[in-house]
C-alpha atoms as a PDB file:
ATOM      1  CA  UNK A   1       0.951   6.660 -12.193  1.00  0.00           C
ATOM      2  CA  UNK A   2      -2.088   6.289  -9.911  1.00  0.00           C
ATOM      3  CA  UNK A   3      -2.381   3.590  -7.258  1.00  0.00           C
ATOM      4  CA  UNK A   4      -5.966   2.444  -6.694  1.00  0.00           C
ATOM      5  CA  UNK A   5      -7.675   0.271  -4.102  1.00  0.00           C
ATOM      6  CA  UNK A   6      -7.818  -3.311  -5.434  1.00  0.00           C
ATOM      7  CA  UNK A   7     -10.781  -4.066  -3.119  1.00  0.00           C
ATOM      8  CA  UNK A   8     -12.942  -2.064  -0.699  1.00  0.00           C
ATOM      9  CA  UNK A   9     -10.624  -0.769   2.041  1.00  0.00           C
ATOM     10  CA  UNK A  10     -10.715   1.087   5.359  1.00  0.00           C
ATOM     11  CA  UNK A  11      -7.619   3.314   5.651  1.00  0.00           C
ATOM     12  CA  UNK A  12      -5.956   2.704   9.021  1.00  0.00           C
ATOM     13  CA  UNK A  13      -2.883   4.943   8.860  1.00  0.00           C
ATOM     14  CA  UNK A  14      -0.848   7.010   6.440  1.00  0.00           C
ATOM     15  CA  UNK A  15       2.535   8.685   6.268  1.00  0.00           C
ATOM     16  CA  UNK A  16       2.806  11.399   3.633  1.00  0.00           C
ATOM     17  CA  UNK A  17       5.644  13.719   4.692  1.00  0.00           C
ATOM     18  CA  UNK A  18       8.723  11.732   3.652  1.00  0.00           C
ATOM     19  CA  UNK A  19      11.689  13.843   2.561  1.00  0.00           C
ATOM     20  CA  UNK A  20      14.928  12.883   0.831  1.00  0.00           C
ATOM     21  CA  UNK A  21      17.558  11.946   3.404  1.00  0.00           C
ATOM     22  CA  UNK A  22      15.024  10.465   5.818  1.00  0.00           C
ATOM     23  CA  UNK A  23      15.742   7.014   7.295  1.00  0.00           C
ATOM     24  CA  UNK A  24      12.137   5.885   6.754  1.00  0.00           C
ATOM     25  CA  UNK A  25      12.574   2.886   4.461  1.00  0.00           C
ATOM     26  CA  UNK A  26       9.058   2.773   2.994  1.00  0.00           C
ATOM     27  CA  UNK A  27       8.856   6.464   2.207  1.00  0.00           C
ATOM     28  CA  UNK A  28       5.281   7.675   1.951  1.00  0.00           C
ATOM     29  CA  UNK A  29       2.977   4.764   2.752  1.00  0.00           C
ATOM     30  CA  UNK A  30      -0.431   3.663   3.943  1.00  0.00           C
ATOM     31  CA  UNK A  31      -1.964   0.737   5.806  1.00  0.00           C
ATOM     32  CA  UNK A  32      -5.544  -0.309   5.105  1.00  0.00           C
ATOM     33  CA  UNK A  33      -7.935  -3.067   6.161  1.00  0.00           C
ATOM     34  CA  UNK A  34     -10.044  -5.299   3.925  1.00  0.00           C
ATOM     35  CA  UNK A  35     -12.841  -6.052   6.390  1.00  0.00           C
ATOM     36  CA  UNK A  36     -14.577  -8.982   4.582  1.00  0.00           C
ATOM     37  CA  UNK A  37     -11.274 -10.867   4.150  1.00  0.00           C
ATOM     38  CA  UNK A  38      -9.773  -9.704   7.467  1.00  0.00           C
ATOM     39  CA  UNK A  39      -6.602  -8.656   5.644  1.00  0.00           C
ATOM     40  CA  UNK A  40      -4.149  -5.786   6.012  1.00  0.00           C
ATOM     41  CA  UNK A  41      -2.806  -3.953   2.965  1.00  0.00           C
ATOM     42  CA  UNK A  42       0.454  -1.996   2.842  1.00  0.00           C
ATOM     43  CA  UNK A  43       1.332   0.353  -0.022  1.00  0.00           C
ATOM     44  CA  UNK A  44       4.751   2.055   0.085  1.00  0.00           C
ATOM     45  CA  UNK A  45       7.170   4.141  -2.010  1.00  0.00           C
ATOM     46  CA  UNK A  46       4.304   6.473  -2.871  1.00  0.00           C
ATOM     47  CA  UNK A  47       4.958   9.918  -4.313  1.00  0.00           C
ATOM     48  CA  UNK A  48       1.577  11.114  -3.090  1.00  0.00           C
ATOM     49  CA  UNK A  49      -0.846   9.746  -0.496  1.00  0.00           C
ATOM     50  CA  UNK A  50      -4.367  10.861  -1.455  1.00  0.00           C
ATOM     51  CA  UNK A  51      -6.315   9.427   1.502  1.00  0.00           C
ATOM     52  CA  UNK A  52      -6.602   9.912   5.260  1.00  0.00           C
ATOM     53  CA  UNK A  53      -6.933   7.561   8.188  1.00  0.00           C
ATOM     54  CA  UNK A  54     -10.549   6.556   8.759  1.00  0.00           C
ATOM     55  CA  UNK A  55     -11.642   6.849   5.120  1.00  0.00           C
ATOM     56  CA  UNK A  56     -13.590   3.953   3.612  1.00  0.00           C
ATOM     57  CA  UNK A  57     -12.754   3.450  -0.053  1.00  0.00           C
ATOM     58  CA  UNK A  58     -14.468   1.442  -2.739  1.00  0.00           C
ATOM     59  CA  UNK A  59     -12.429  -0.774  -5.057  1.00  0.00           C
ATOM     60  CA  UNK A  60     -10.918   1.387  -7.788  1.00  0.00           C
ATOM     61  CA  UNK A  61     -10.736   4.532  -5.639  1.00  0.00           C
ATOM     62  CA  UNK A  62      -7.412   6.418  -5.831  1.00  0.00           C
ATOM     63  CA  UNK A  63      -4.993   5.843  -2.938  1.00  0.00           C
ATOM     64  CA  UNK A  64      -2.107   7.910  -4.231  1.00  0.00           C
ATOM     65  CA  UNK A  65       0.593   7.851  -6.885  1.00  0.00           C
ATOM     66  CA  UNK A  66       3.610   5.631  -7.487  1.00  0.00           C
ATOM     67  CA  UNK A  67       6.809   7.362  -6.554  1.00  0.00           C
ATOM     68  CA  UNK A  68      10.411   7.135  -5.475  1.00  0.00           C
ATOM     69  CA  UNK A  69      10.090   7.786  -1.769  1.00  0.00           C
ATOM     70  CA  UNK A  70      11.966   5.813   0.875  1.00  0.00           C
ATOM     71  CA  UNK A  71      15.516   5.452   2.123  1.00  0.00           C
ATOM     72  CA  UNK A  72      16.880   3.537  -0.893  1.00  0.00           C
ATOM     73  CA  UNK A  73      14.387   4.634  -3.546  1.00  0.00           C
ATOM     74  CA  UNK A  74      16.093   7.851  -4.579  1.00  0.00           C
ATOM     75  CA  UNK A  75      19.409   6.278  -5.584  1.00  0.00           C
ATOM     76  CA  UNK A  76      19.930   5.814  -9.359  1.00  0.00           C
ATOM     77  CA  UNK A  77      19.735   1.990  -9.159  1.00  0.00           C
ATOM     78  CA  UNK A  78      16.144   2.144  -7.948  1.00  0.00           C
ATOM     79  CA  UNK A  79      13.457   2.908 -10.555  1.00  0.00           C
ATOM     80  CA  UNK A  80      10.019   4.189  -9.688  1.00  0.00           C
ATOM     81  CA  UNK A  81       8.018   1.327  -8.180  1.00  0.00           C
ATOM     82  CA  UNK A  82       5.363   0.343  -5.671  1.00  0.00           C
ATOM     83  CA  UNK A  83       5.692  -1.929  -2.671  1.00  0.00           C
ATOM     84  CA  UNK A  84       2.431  -3.735  -1.929  1.00  0.00           C
ATOM     85  CA  UNK A  85       1.896  -6.363   0.740  1.00  0.00           C
ATOM     86  CA  UNK A  86      -1.238  -8.190   1.889  1.00  0.00           C
ATOM     87  CA  UNK A  87      -1.384  -9.961   5.257  1.00  0.00           C
ATOM     88  CA  UNK A  88      -4.269 -12.171   6.431  1.00  0.00           C
ATOM     89  CA  UNK A  89      -5.116 -11.630  10.111  1.00  0.00           C
ATOM     90  CA  UNK A  90      -5.574 -15.015  11.797  1.00  0.00           C
ATOM     91  CA  UNK A  91      -5.993 -14.384  15.518  1.00  0.00           C
ATOM     92  CA  UNK A  92      -2.643 -12.968  16.612  1.00  0.00           C
ATOM     93  CA  UNK A  93      -0.841 -14.183  13.493  1.00  0.00           C
ATOM     94  CA  UNK A  94      -0.287 -12.379  10.190  1.00  0.00           C
ATOM     95  CA  UNK A  95       0.041 -14.632   7.123  1.00  0.00           C
ATOM     96  CA  UNK A  96       1.271 -13.310   3.747  1.00  0.00           C
ATOM     97  CA  UNK A  97      -1.355 -13.527   0.995  1.00  0.00           C
ATOM     98  CA  UNK A  98      -0.827 -14.064  -2.736  1.00  0.00           C
ATOM     99  CA  UNK A  99      -2.693 -10.993  -4.009  1.00  0.00           C
ATOM    100  CA  UNK A 100      -2.083 -11.440  -7.736  1.00  0.00           C
ATOM    101  CA  UNK A 101      -5.769 -12.334  -8.323  1.00  0.00           C
ATOM    102  CA  UNK A 102      -6.743  -8.837  -7.137  1.00  0.00           C
ATOM    103  CA  UNK A 103      -4.674  -7.450  -9.996  1.00  0.00           C
ATOM    104  CA  UNK A 104      -6.189  -9.850 -12.510  1.00  0.00           C
ATOM    105  CA  UNK A 105      -2.995 -11.917 -12.666  1.00  0.00           C
ATOM    106  CA  UNK A 106      -3.891 -15.183 -10.933  1.00  0.00           C
ATOM    107  CA  UNK A 107      -6.567 -17.385  -9.377  1.00  0.00           C
ATOM    108  CA  UNK A 108      -8.772 -15.999  -6.624  1.00  0.00           C
ATOM    109  CA  UNK A 109      -7.993 -17.306  -3.143  1.00  0.00           C
END
């Protein structure tokens, strides 16, 4: 299942070489920046990372594919899923953001 950029994003870093048995909890992941909203995005548990650091992506562009990567993701109790987090940068503080509106599931903040 593809994972796409919910908004325009600048890719800051990626990790795409996770292997079973690794202690990396998030598996294959990427961090990206939403410049207009000064927010960081984290996507983890990816099977495939389709972007590179420094790429600017338009909303809807493919980021990768949902997978089962990460320390606990390969055990039978853990179905395929995506971890997504959005953090608002406020000076030196990071504040969690309710991102459901970006997925069409809530009111815009």
